[in-house]
Amino acid sequence: AYSSLAPLSTWRTEPGQDSAKSDEMKADSADAPFQGIAEKYGVSEAQLLLRWGVQNGYAVLPKSLNPARMAQNLDLFSFEIDAADMAAMKAMDRGAGIAWATGDPSQTA
C-alpha cells in the first residue's frame, strides 16, 4: 500500500501488524487529517483516499481479504469529493509514502 497523503489514522493498527511508519508519522497519526473529511461524506478514510485517486485520474488498486473492506472498495462512486475538499487534500500532500517494510503485504510478522 502506498499513499503520498500519509498517514491514515488506522494504518496497520490491528494486533500483529508491524507498522512501517517512522516515529514522526506515528506522532502525526494522532491528528487524523482525513478523518473529518471522511466523516463529512460518511465514508472511511480509505474510501476517501481511493476516491481522491479516482477523481485525480489515477488507477487505484485496492487490496483486501476482508469482505467488509472489499465492499467499501467497490463503493467509490456513491460520493464525489467537492473541489474545496480536493484542494484541501492536495495541500496535505507531504511527499511521504508508506509501504510494508518487506515490500510484500502478505508477509507480516
PDB file of N, CA and C in Angstrom:
ATOM      1  N   ALA A   1       0.845  -1.181   0.000  1.00  0.00           N
ATOM      2  CA  ALA A   1       0.000   0.000   0.000  1.00  0.00           C
ATOM      3  C   ALA A   1       0.886   1.238   0.000  1.00  0.00           C
ATOM      4  N   TYR A   2       0.454   2.262  -0.678  1.00  0.00           N
ATOM      5  CA  TYR A   2       1.240   3.487  -0.767  1.00  0.00           C
ATOM      6  C   TYR A   2       0.296   4.672  -0.863  1.00  0.00           C
ATOM      7  N   SER A   3       0.603   5.698  -0.157  1.00  0.00           N
ATOM      8  CA  SER A   3      -0.133   6.956  -0.285  1.00  0.00           C
ATOM      9  C   SER A   3       0.800   8.101   0.047  1.00  0.00           C
ATOM     10  N   SER A   4       0.905   9.054  -0.860  1.00  0.00           N
ATOM     11  CA  SER A   4       1.715  10.233  -0.558  1.00  0.00           C
ATOM     12  C   SER A   4       0.970  11.161   0.381  1.00  0.00           C
ATOM     13  N   LEU A   5      -0.282  10.848   0.660  1.00  0.00           N
ATOM     14  CA  LEU A   5      -1.090  11.638   1.580  1.00  0.00           C
ATOM     15  C   LEU A   5      -1.103  10.994   2.964  1.00  0.00           C
ATOM     16  N   ALA A   6      -0.048  10.283   3.298  1.00  0.00           N
ATOM     17  CA  ALA A   6       0.032   9.556   4.572  1.00  0.00           C
ATOM     18  C   ALA A   6       0.049  10.518   5.739  1.00  0.00           C
ATOM     19  N   PRO A   7      -0.344  10.162   6.909  1.00  0.00           N
ATOM     20  CA  PRO A   7      -0.786   8.828   7.304  1.00  0.00           C
ATOM     21  C   PRO A   7      -2.291   8.756   7.502  1.00  0.00           C
ATOM     22  N   LEU A   8      -2.819   7.574   7.399  1.00  0.00           N
ATOM     23  CA  LEU A   8      -4.191   7.298   7.819  1.00  0.00           C
ATOM     24  C   LEU A   8      -4.155   7.029   9.310  1.00  0.00           C
ATOM     25  N   SER A   9      -5.167   7.426  10.022  1.00  0.00           N
ATOM     26  CA  SER A   9      -5.168   7.201  11.467  1.00  0.00           C
ATOM     27  C   SER A   9      -5.255   5.725  11.810  1.00  0.00           C
ATOM     28  N   THR A  10      -5.739   4.906  10.884  1.00  0.00           N
ATOM     29  CA  THR A  10      -5.920   3.486  11.168  1.00  0.00           C
ATOM     30  C   THR A  10      -4.893   2.602  10.470  1.00  0.00           C
ATOM     31  N   TRP A  11      -3.842   3.175   9.950  1.00  0.00           N
ATOM     32  CA  TRP A  11      -2.867   2.408   9.183  1.00  0.00           C
ATOM     33  C   TRP A  11      -2.230   1.313  10.023  1.00  0.00           C
ATOM     34  N   ARG A  12      -2.482   0.079   9.655  1.00  0.00           N
ATOM     35  CA  ARG A  12      -1.873  -1.114  10.256  1.00  0.00           C
ATOM     36  C   ARG A  12      -1.879  -1.051  11.781  1.00  0.00           C
ATOM     37  N   THR A  13      -3.037  -0.862  12.361  1.00  0.00           N
ATOM     38  CA  THR A  13      -3.146  -0.766  13.813  1.00  0.00           C
ATOM     39  C   THR A  13      -3.704  -2.029  14.439  1.00  0.00           C
ATOM     40  N   GLU A  14      -4.022  -3.022  13.628  1.00  0.00           N
ATOM     41  CA  GLU A  14      -4.553  -4.269  14.165  1.00  0.00           C
ATOM     42  C   GLU A  14      -3.441  -5.051  14.863  1.00  0.00           C
ATOM     43  N   PRO A  15      -3.789  -5.835  15.878  1.00  0.00           N
ATOM     44  CA  PRO A  15      -2.790  -6.651  16.570  1.00  0.00           C
ATOM     45  C   PRO A  15      -2.035  -7.542  15.579  1.00  0.00           C
ATOM     46  N   GLY A  16      -0.730  -7.610  15.749  1.00  0.00           N
ATOM     47  CA  GLY A  16       0.104  -8.450  14.896  1.00  0.00           C
ATOM     48  C   GLY A  16       0.561  -7.795  13.616  1.00  0.00           C
ATOM     49  N   GLN A  17       0.144  -6.576  13.367  1.00  0.00           N
ATOM     50  CA  GLN A  17       0.570  -5.878  12.158  1.00  0.00           C
ATOM     51  C   GLN A  17       1.712  -4.936  12.513  1.00  0.00           C
ATOM     52  N   ASP A  18       2.876  -5.223  11.991  1.00  0.00           N
ATOM     53  CA  ASP A  18       4.006  -4.331  12.214  1.00  0.00           C
ATOM     54  C   ASP A  18       3.842  -3.109  11.329  1.00  0.00           C
ATOM     55  N   SER A  19       4.123  -1.966  11.885  1.00  0.00           N
ATOM     56  CA  SER A  19       3.971  -0.731  11.138  1.00  0.00           C
ATOM     57  C   SER A  19       5.276  -0.356  10.463  1.00  0.00           C
ATOM     58  N   ALA A  20       5.173   0.133   9.241  1.00  0.00           N
ATOM     59  CA  ALA A  20       6.344   0.619   8.521  1.00  0.00           C
ATOM     60  C   ALA A  20       6.490   2.124   8.688  1.00  0.00           C
ATOM     61  N   LYS A  21       5.683   2.705   9.578  1.00  0.00           N
ATOM     62  CA  LYS A  21       5.731   4.150   9.775  1.00  0.00           C
ATOM     63  C   LYS A  21       6.947   4.557  10.594  1.00  0.00           C
ATOM     64  N   SER A  22       7.452   5.733  10.278  1.00  0.00           N
ATOM     65  CA  SER A  22       8.518   6.315  11.085  1.00  0.00           C
ATOM     66  C   SER A  22       7.899   6.863  12.369  1.00  0.00           C
ATOM     67  N   ASP A  23       8.733   7.184  13.347  1.00  0.00           N
ATOM     68  CA  ASP A  23       8.228   7.759  14.594  1.00  0.00           C
ATOM     69  C   ASP A  23       7.476   9.065  14.330  1.00  0.00           C
ATOM     70  N   GLU A  24       7.969   9.863  13.381  1.00  0.00           N
ATOM     71  CA  GLU A  24       7.309  11.127  13.037  1.00  0.00           C
ATOM     72  C   GLU A  24       5.906  10.871  12.483  1.00  0.00           C
ATOM     73  N   MET A  25       5.774   9.857  11.630  1.00  0.00           N
ATOM     74  CA  MET A  25       4.471   9.531  11.070  1.00  0.00           C
ATOM     75  C   MET A  25       3.529   9.013  12.155  1.00  0.00           C
ATOM     76  N   LYS A  26       4.055   8.229  13.091  1.00  0.00           N
ATOM     77  CA  LYS A  26       3.224   7.721  14.185  1.00  0.00           C
ATOM     78  C   LYS A  26       2.703   8.880  15.029  1.00  0.00           C
ATOM     79  N   ALA A  27       3.554   9.848  15.309  1.00  0.00           N
ATOM     80  CA  ALA A  27       3.140  11.010  16.102  1.00  0.00           C
ATOM     81  C   ALA A  27       2.065  11.798  15.358  1.00  0.00           C
ATOM     82  N   ASP A  28       2.209  11.917  14.038  1.00  0.00           N
ATOM     83  CA  ASP A  28       1.244  12.650  13.224  1.00  0.00           C
ATOM     84  C   ASP A  28      -0.104  11.952  13.141  1.00  0.00           C
ATOM     85  N   SER A  29      -0.133  10.645  13.342  1.00  0.00           N
ATOM     86  CA  SER A  29      -1.376   9.891  13.210  1.00  0.00           C
ATOM     87  C   SER A  29      -2.446  10.370  14.175  1.00  0.00           C
ATOM     88  N   ALA A  30      -2.038  10.929  15.287  1.00  0.00           N
ATOM     89  CA  ALA A  30      -2.994  11.354  16.309  1.00  0.00           C
ATOM     90  C   ALA A  30      -3.941  12.431  15.787  1.00  0.00           C
ATOM     91  N   ASP A  31      -3.482  13.264  14.851  1.00  0.00           N
ATOM     92  CA  ASP A  31      -4.345  14.340  14.379  1.00  0.00           C
ATOM     93  C   ASP A  31      -5.308  13.891  13.283  1.00  0.00           C
ATOM     94  N   ALA A  32      -5.121  12.703  12.713  1.00  0.00           N
ATOM     95  CA  ALA A  32      -6.034  12.122  11.714  1.00  0.00           C
ATOM     96  C   ALA A  32      -6.557  13.167  10.726  1.00  0.00           C
ATOM     97  N   PRO A  33      -5.712  13.686   9.848  1.00  0.00           N
ATOM     98  CA  PRO A  33      -6.109  14.795   8.980  1.00  0.00           C
ATOM     99  C   PRO A  33      -7.273  14.509   8.042  1.00  0.00           C
ATOM    100  N   PHE A  34      -7.509  13.258   7.685  1.00  0.00           N
ATOM    101  CA  PHE A  34      -8.583  12.944   6.742  1.00  0.00           C
ATOM    102  C   PHE A  34      -9.871  12.515   7.425  1.00  0.00           C
ATOM    103  N   GLN A  35      -9.821  12.320   8.706  1.00  0.00           N
ATOM    104  CA  GLN A  35     -10.977  11.800   9.424  1.00  0.00           C
ATOM    105  C   GLN A  35     -12.195  12.723   9.293  1.00  0.00           C
ATOM    106  N   GLY A  36     -11.998  14.009   9.476  1.00  0.00           N
ATOM    107  CA  GLY A  36     -13.113  14.955   9.378  1.00  0.00           C
ATOM    108  C   GLY A  36     -13.727  15.000   7.991  1.00  0.00           C
ATOM    109  N   ILE A  37     -12.886  14.960   6.971  1.00  0.00           N
ATOM    110  CA  ILE A  37     -13.397  14.981   5.594  1.00  0.00           C
ATOM    111  C   ILE A  37     -14.150  13.687   5.308  1.00  0.00           C
ATOM    112  N   ALA A  38     -13.596  12.561   5.748  1.00  0.00           N
ATOM    113  CA  ALA A  38     -14.271  11.271   5.543  1.00  0.00           C
ATOM    114  C   ALA A  38     -15.632  11.256   6.233  1.00  0.00           C
ATOM    115  N   GLU A  39     -15.684  11.783   7.443  1.00  0.00           N
ATOM    116  CA  GLU A  39     -16.959  11.835   8.176  1.00  0.00           C
ATOM    117  C   GLU A  39     -17.986  12.698   7.445  1.00  0.00           C
ATOM    118  N   LYS A  40     -17.523  13.778   6.830  1.00  0.00           N
ATOM    119  CA  LYS A  40     -18.423  14.662   6.069  1.00  0.00           C
ATOM    120  C   LYS A  40     -19.164  13.892   4.978  1.00  0.00           C
ATOM    121  N   TYR A  41     -18.467  12.945   4.333  1.00  0.00           N
ATOM    122  CA  TYR A  41     -19.058  12.171   3.245  1.00  0.00           C
ATOM    123  C   TYR A  41     -19.632  10.833   3.717  1.00  0.00           C
ATOM    124  N   GLY A  42     -19.452  10.526   4.991  1.00  0.00           N
ATOM    125  CA  GLY A  42     -19.975   9.273   5.530  1.00  0.00           C
ATOM    126  C   GLY A  42     -19.247   8.044   5.028  1.00  0.00           C
ATOM    127  N   VAL A  43     -17.931   8.189   4.810  1.00  0.00           N
ATOM    128  CA  VAL A  43     -17.115   7.085   4.299  1.00  0.00           C
ATOM    129  C   VAL A  43     -15.891   6.902   5.189  1.00  0.00           C
ATOM    130  N   SER A  44     -15.152   5.829   4.958  1.00  0.00           N
ATOM    131  CA  SER A  44     -13.914   5.609   5.703  1.00  0.00           C
ATOM    132  C   SER A  44     -12.798   6.468   5.111  1.00  0.00           C
ATOM    133  N   GLU A  45     -11.723   6.625   5.864  1.00  0.00           N
ATOM    134  CA  GLU A  45     -10.566   7.363   5.344  1.00  0.00           C
ATOM    135  C   GLU A  45     -10.009   6.667   4.107  1.00  0.00           C
ATOM    136  N   ALA A  46     -10.007   5.340   4.117  1.00  0.00           N
ATOM    137  CA  ALA A  46      -9.502   4.592   2.961  1.00  0.00           C
ATOM    138  C   ALA A  46     -10.350   4.884   1.726  1.00  0.00           C
ATOM    139  N   GLN A  47     -11.677   4.865   1.877  1.00  0.00           N
ATOM    140  CA  GLN A  47     -12.558   5.184   0.750  1.00  0.00           C
ATOM    141  C   GLN A  47     -12.308   6.600   0.248  1.00  0.00           C
ATOM    142  N   LEU A  48     -12.127   7.514   1.176  1.00  0.00           N
ATOM    143  CA  LEU A  48     -11.873   8.906   0.805  1.00  0.00           C
ATOM    144  C   LEU A  48     -10.613   9.008  -0.054  1.00  0.00           C
ATOM    145  N   LEU A  49      -9.537   8.352   0.378  1.00  0.00           N
ATOM    146  CA  LEU A  49      -8.276   8.436  -0.361  1.00  0.00           C
ATOM    147  C   LEU A  49      -8.358   7.710  -1.697  1.00  0.00           C
ATOM    148  N   LEU A  50      -9.069   6.589  -1.736  1.00  0.00           N
ATOM    149  CA  LEU A  50      -9.249   5.905  -3.016  1.00  0.00           C
ATOM    150  C   LEU A  50     -10.042   6.785  -3.980  1.00  0.00           C
ATOM    151  N   ARG A  51     -11.095   7.421  -3.482  1.00  0.00           N
ATOM    152  CA  ARG A  51     -11.904   8.304  -4.328  1.00  0.00           C
ATOM    153  C   ARG A  51     -11.079   9.503  -4.795  1.00  0.00           C
ATOM    154  N   TRP A  52     -10.227  10.035  -3.903  1.00  0.00           N
ATOM    155  CA  TRP A  52      -9.340  11.133  -4.273  1.00  0.00           C
ATOM    156  C   TRP A  52      -8.483  10.714  -5.468  1.00  0.00           C
ATOM    157  N   GLY A  53      -7.953   9.499  -5.409  1.00  0.00           N
ATOM    158  CA  GLY A  53      -7.146   8.994  -6.517  1.00  0.00           C
ATOM    159  C   GLY A  53      -7.941   8.891  -7.804  1.00  0.00           C
ATOM    160  N   VAL A  54      -9.153   8.346  -7.713  1.00  0.00           N
ATOM    161  CA  VAL A  54     -10.017   8.215  -8.893  1.00  0.00           C
ATOM    162  C   VAL A  54     -10.320   9.586  -9.486  1.00  0.00           C
ATOM    163  N   GLN A  55     -10.672  10.544  -8.634  1.00  0.00           N
ATOM    164  CA  GLN A  55     -11.006  11.887  -9.134  1.00  0.00           C
ATOM    165  C   GLN A  55      -9.804  12.600  -9.733  1.00  0.00           C
ATOM    166  N   ASN A  56      -8.603  12.178  -9.375  1.00  0.00           N
ATOM    167  CA  ASN A  56      -7.396  12.754  -9.966  1.00  0.00           C
ATOM    168  C   ASN A  56      -6.931  11.965 -11.184  1.00  0.00           C
ATOM    169  N   GLY A  57      -7.695  10.954 -11.580  1.00  0.00           N
ATOM    170  CA  GLY A  57      -7.360  10.189 -12.778  1.00  0.00           C
ATOM    171  C   GLY A  57      -6.343   9.090 -12.560  1.00  0.00           C
ATOM    172  N   TYR A  58      -6.070   8.737 -11.310  1.00  0.00           N
ATOM    173  CA  TYR A  58      -5.123   7.664 -11.017  1.00  0.00           C
ATOM    174  C   TYR A  58      -5.825   6.318 -11.058  1.00  0.00           C
ATOM    175  N   ALA A  59      -5.102   5.294 -11.455  1.00  0.00           N
ATOM    176  CA  ALA A  59      -5.616   3.930 -11.344  1.00  0.00           C
ATOM    177  C   ALA A  59      -5.427   3.508  -9.895  1.00  0.00           C
ATOM    178  N   VAL A  60      -6.493   3.157  -9.231  1.00  0.00           N
ATOM    179  CA  VAL A  60      -6.389   2.718  -7.844  1.00  0.00           C
ATOM    180  C   VAL A  60      -6.561   1.209  -7.804  1.00  0.00           C
ATOM    181  N   LEU A  61      -5.717   0.554  -7.039  1.00  0.00           N
ATOM    182  CA  LEU A  61      -5.726  -0.898  -6.946  1.00  0.00           C
ATOM    183  C   LEU A  61      -5.843  -1.312  -5.487  1.00  0.00           C
ATOM    184  N   PRO A  62      -7.029  -1.201  -4.911  1.00  0.00           N
ATOM    185  CA  PRO A  62      -7.178  -1.594  -3.510  1.00  0.00           C
ATOM    186  C   PRO A  62      -7.072  -3.103  -3.365  1.00  0.00           C
ATOM    187  N   LYS A  63      -6.582  -3.529  -2.225  1.00  0.00           N
ATOM    188  CA  LYS A  63      -6.423  -4.953  -1.944  1.00  0.00           C
ATOM    189  C   LYS A  63      -6.950  -5.223  -0.553  1.00  0.00           C
ATOM    190  N   SER A  64      -7.771  -6.242  -0.428  1.00  0.00           N
ATOM    191  CA  SER A  64      -8.241  -6.655   0.885  1.00  0.00           C
ATOM    192  C   SER A  64      -8.769  -8.073   0.807  1.00  0.00           C
ATOM    193  N   LEU A  65      -8.645  -8.778   1.900  1.00  0.00           N
ATOM    194  CA  LEU A  65      -9.275 -10.089   2.043  1.00  0.00           C
ATOM    195  C   LEU A  65     -10.492  -9.989   2.954  1.00  0.00           C
ATOM    196  N   ASN A  66     -10.707  -8.813   3.520  1.00  0.00           N
ATOM    197  CA  ASN A  66     -11.812  -8.566   4.432  1.00  0.00           C
ATOM    198  C   ASN A  66     -13.059  -8.214   3.607  1.00  0.00           C
ATOM    199  N   PRO A  67     -14.130  -9.021   3.699  1.00  0.00           N
ATOM    200  CA  PRO A  67     -15.321  -8.764   2.877  1.00  0.00           C
ATOM    201  C   PRO A  67     -15.916  -7.363   3.060  1.00  0.00           C
ATOM    202  N   ALA A  68     -15.913  -6.848   4.274  1.00  0.00           N
ATOM    203  CA  ALA A  68     -16.463  -5.504   4.500  1.00  0.00           C
ATOM    204  C   ALA A  68     -15.622  -4.455   3.790  1.00  0.00           C
ATOM    205  N   ARG A  69     -14.311  -4.597   3.841  1.00  0.00           N
ATOM    206  CA  ARG A  69     -13.439  -3.631   3.152  1.00  0.00           C
ATOM    207  C   ARG A  69     -13.540  -3.785   1.641  1.00  0.00           C
ATOM    208  N   MET A  70     -13.713  -5.020   1.178  1.00  0.00           N
ATOM    209  CA  MET A  70     -13.886  -5.237  -0.259  1.00  0.00           C
ATOM    210  C   MET A  70     -15.135  -4.500  -0.752  1.00  0.00           C
ATOM    211  N   ALA A  71     -16.209  -4.559   0.031  1.00  0.00           N
ATOM    212  CA  ALA A  71     -17.436  -3.841  -0.329  1.00  0.00           C
ATOM    213  C   ALA A  71     -17.192  -2.338  -0.340  1.00  0.00           C
ATOM    214  N   GLN A  72     -16.443  -1.841   0.654  1.00  0.00           N
ATOM    215  CA  GLN A  72     -16.106  -0.410   0.683  1.00  0.00           C
ATOM    216  C   GLN A  72     -15.293  -0.026  -0.545  1.00  0.00           C
ATOM    217  N   ASN A  73     -14.355  -0.885  -0.932  1.00  0.00           N
ATOM    218  CA  ASN A  73     -13.504  -0.588  -2.084  1.00  0.00           C
ATOM    219  C   ASN A  73     -14.319  -0.469  -3.368  1.00  0.00           C
ATOM    220  N   LEU A  74     -15.424  -1.204  -3.446  1.00  0.00           N
ATOM    221  CA  LEU A  74     -16.286  -1.139  -4.628  1.00  0.00           C
ATOM    222  C   LEU A  74     -17.232   0.056  -4.594  1.00  0.00           C
ATOM    223  N   ASP A  75     -17.401   0.639  -3.433  1.00  0.00           N
ATOM    224  CA  ASP A  75     -18.368   1.721  -3.250  1.00  0.00           C
ATOM    225  C   ASP A  75     -17.699   3.096  -3.333  1.00  0.00           C
ATOM    226  N   LEU A  76     -16.922   3.313  -4.366  1.00  0.00           N
ATOM    227  CA  LEU A  76     -16.215   4.588  -4.524  1.00  0.00           C
ATOM    228  C   LEU A  76     -16.998   5.593  -5.359  1.00  0.00           C
ATOM    229  N   PHE A  77     -18.072   5.146  -5.974  1.00  0.00           N
ATOM    230  CA  PHE A  77     -18.785   6.019  -6.900  1.00  0.00           C
ATOM    231  C   PHE A  77     -20.127   6.487  -6.349  1.00  0.00           C
ATOM    232  N   SER A  78     -20.343   6.255  -5.057  1.00  0.00           N
ATOM    233  CA  SER A  78     -21.579   6.708  -4.420  1.00  0.00           C
ATOM    234  C   SER A  78     -21.435   8.123  -3.860  1.00  0.00           C
ATOM    235  N   PHE A  79     -20.230   8.675  -3.968  1.00  0.00           N
ATOM    236  CA  PHE A  79     -19.993  10.032  -3.483  1.00  0.00           C
ATOM    237  C   PHE A  79     -18.923  10.680  -4.347  1.00  0.00           C
ATOM    238  N   GLU A  80     -18.877  11.995  -4.304  1.00  0.00           N
ATOM    239  CA  GLU A  80     -17.850  12.752  -5.021  1.00  0.00           C
ATOM    240  C   GLU A  80     -17.305  13.807  -4.074  1.00  0.00           C
ATOM    241  N   ILE A  81     -15.997  13.927  -4.038  1.00  0.00           N
ATOM    242  CA  ILE A  81     -15.343  14.908  -3.170  1.00  0.00           C
ATOM    243  C   ILE A  81     -15.437  16.268  -3.854  1.00  0.00           C
ATOM    244  N   ASP A  82     -15.930  17.270  -3.123  1.00  0.00           N
ATOM    245  CA  ASP A  82     -16.089  18.592  -3.739  1.00  0.00           C
ATOM    246  C   ASP A  82     -14.728  19.264  -3.943  1.00  0.00           C
ATOM    247  N   ALA A  83     -14.726  20.298  -4.766  1.00  0.00           N
ATOM    248  CA  ALA A  83     -13.485  20.974  -5.165  1.00  0.00           C
ATOM    249  C   ALA A  83     -12.710  21.520  -3.971  1.00  0.00           C
ATOM    250  N   ALA A  84     -13.415  22.058  -2.988  1.00  0.00           N
ATOM    251  CA  ALA A  84     -12.731  22.622  -1.816  1.00  0.00           C
ATOM    252  C   ALA A  84     -12.005  21.533  -1.033  1.00  0.00           C
ATOM    253  N   ASP A  85     -12.655  20.378  -0.862  1.00  0.00           N
ATOM    254  CA  ASP A  85     -12.005  19.287  -0.138  1.00  0.00           C
ATOM    255  C   ASP A  85     -10.870  18.672  -0.954  1.00  0.00           C
ATOM    256  N   MET A  86     -11.037  18.598  -2.277  1.00  0.00           N
ATOM    257  CA  MET A  86      -9.947  18.103  -3.132  1.00  0.00           C
ATOM    258  C   MET A  86      -8.724  19.002  -2.976  1.00  0.00           C
ATOM    259  N   ALA A  87      -8.940  20.304  -2.958  1.00  0.00           N
ATOM    260  CA  ALA A  87      -7.832  21.250  -2.797  1.00  0.00           C
ATOM    261  C   ALA A  87      -7.205  21.118  -1.414  1.00  0.00           C
ATOM    262  N   ALA A  88      -8.045  20.948  -0.391  1.00  0.00           N
ATOM    263  CA  ALA A  88      -7.526  20.792   0.971  1.00  0.00           C
ATOM    264  C   ALA A  88      -6.686  19.528   1.083  1.00  0.00           C
ATOM    265  N   MET A  89      -7.142  18.449   0.450  1.00  0.00           N
ATOM    266  CA  MET A  89      -6.385  17.197   0.496  1.00  0.00           C
ATOM    267  C   MET A  89      -5.068  17.335  -0.262  1.00  0.00           C
ATOM    268  N   LYS A  90      -5.099  18.015  -1.393  1.00  0.00           N
ATOM    269  CA  LYS A  90      -3.865  18.216  -2.157  1.00  0.00           C
ATOM    270  C   LYS A  90      -2.851  18.996  -1.327  1.00  0.00           C
ATOM    271  N   ALA A  91      -3.334  19.965  -0.558  1.00  0.00           N
ATOM    272  CA  ALA A  91      -2.445  20.775   0.280  1.00  0.00           C
ATOM    273  C   ALA A  91      -1.813  19.953   1.402  1.00  0.00           C
ATOM    274  N   MET A  92      -2.426  18.819   1.750  1.00  0.00           N
ATOM    275  CA  MET A  92      -1.884  17.959   2.807  1.00  0.00           C
ATOM    276  C   MET A  92      -0.765  17.053   2.320  1.00  0.00           C
ATOM    277  N   ASP A  93      -0.549  16.984   1.011  1.00  0.00           N
ATOM    278  CA  ASP A  93       0.477  16.094   0.457  1.00  0.00           C
ATOM    279  C   ASP A  93       1.836  16.458   1.023  1.00  0.00           C
ATOM    280  N   ARG A  94       2.444  15.524   1.704  1.00  0.00           N
ATOM    281  CA  ARG A  94       3.756  15.737   2.322  1.00  0.00           C
ATOM    282  C   ARG A  94       4.879  15.130   1.498  1.00  0.00           C
ATOM    283  N   GLY A  95       4.514  14.483   0.403  1.00  0.00           N
ATOM    284  CA  GLY A  95       5.529  13.833  -0.408  1.00  0.00           C
ATOM    285  C   GLY A  95       6.123  12.620   0.281  1.00  0.00           C
ATOM    286  N   ALA A  96       5.454  12.141   1.320  1.00  0.00           N
ATOM    287  CA  ALA A  96       5.934  10.972   2.059  1.00  0.00           C
ATOM    288  C   ALA A  96       5.077   9.780   1.681  1.00  0.00           C
ATOM    289  N   GLY A  97       5.670   8.631   1.640  1.00  0.00           N
ATOM    290  CA  GLY A  97       4.925   7.426   1.322  1.00  0.00           C
ATOM    291  C   GLY A  97       5.006   6.430   2.454  1.00  0.00           C
ATOM    292  N   ILE A  98       4.083   5.501   2.454  1.00  0.00           N
ATOM    293  CA  ILE A  98       4.143   4.411   3.414  1.00  0.00           C
ATOM    294  C   ILE A  98       4.019   3.107   2.652  1.00  0.00           C
ATOM    295  N   ALA A  99       4.725   2.108   3.101  1.00  0.00           N
ATOM    296  CA  ALA A  99       4.683   0.800   2.457  1.00  0.00           C
ATOM    297  C   ALA A  99       5.133  -0.244   3.451  1.00  0.00           C
ATOM    298  N   TRP A 100       4.788  -1.490   3.175  1.00  0.00           N
ATOM    299  CA  TRP A 100       5.268  -2.561   4.031  1.00  0.00           C
ATOM    300  C   TRP A 100       6.779  -2.658   3.900  1.00  0.00           C
ATOM    301  N   ALA A 101       7.440  -2.819   5.021  1.00  0.00           N
ATOM    302  CA  ALA A 101       8.898  -2.862   5.044  1.00  0.00           C
ATOM    303  C   ALA A 101       9.435  -4.002   4.189  1.00  0.00           C
ATOM    304  N   THR A 102       8.723  -5.110   4.121  1.00  0.00           N
ATOM    305  CA  THR A 102       9.197  -6.255   3.346  1.00  0.00           C
ATOM    306  C   THR A 102       8.932  -6.091   1.862  1.00  0.00           C
ATOM    307  N   GLY A 103       8.079  -5.132   1.512  1.00  0.00           N
ATOM    308  CA  GLY A 103       7.697  -4.977   0.123  1.00  0.00           C
ATOM    309  C   GLY A 103       6.589  -5.939  -0.274  1.00  0.00           C
ATOM    310  N   ASP A 104       6.226  -6.838   0.629  1.00  0.00           N
ATOM    311  CA  ASP A 104       5.189  -7.825   0.355  1.00  0.00           C
ATOM    312  C   ASP A 104       4.145  -7.758   1.454  1.00  0.00           C
ATOM    313  N   PRO A 105       2.955  -7.219   1.157  1.00  0.00           N
ATOM    314  CA  PRO A 105       1.949  -7.041   2.201  1.00  0.00           C
ATOM    315  C   PRO A 105       1.459  -8.340   2.822  1.00  0.00           C
ATOM    316  N   SER A 106       1.690  -9.465   2.162  1.00  0.00           N
ATOM    317  CA  SER A 106       1.251 -10.731   2.746  1.00  0.00           C
ATOM    318  C   SER A 106       2.236 -11.259   3.783  1.00  0.00           C
ATOM    319  N   GLN A 107       3.389 -10.642   3.864  1.00  0.00           N
ATOM    320  CA  GLN A 107       4.422 -11.075   4.805  1.00  0.00           C
ATOM    321  C   GLN A 107       4.409 -10.170   6.023  1.00  0.00           C
ATOM    322  N   THR A 108       3.697 -10.575   7.057  1.00  0.00           N
ATOM    323  CA  THR A 108       3.661  -9.803   8.295  1.00  0.00           C
ATOM    324  C   THR A 108       4.286 -10.613   9.407  1.00  0.00           C
ATOM    325  N   ALA A 109       4.821  -9.913  10.370  1.00  0.00           N
ATOM    326  CA  ALA A 109       5.496 -10.599  11.476  1.00  0.00           C
ATOM    327  C   ALA A 109       4.509 -11.189  12.444  1.00  0.00           C
TER     328      ALA A 109
END
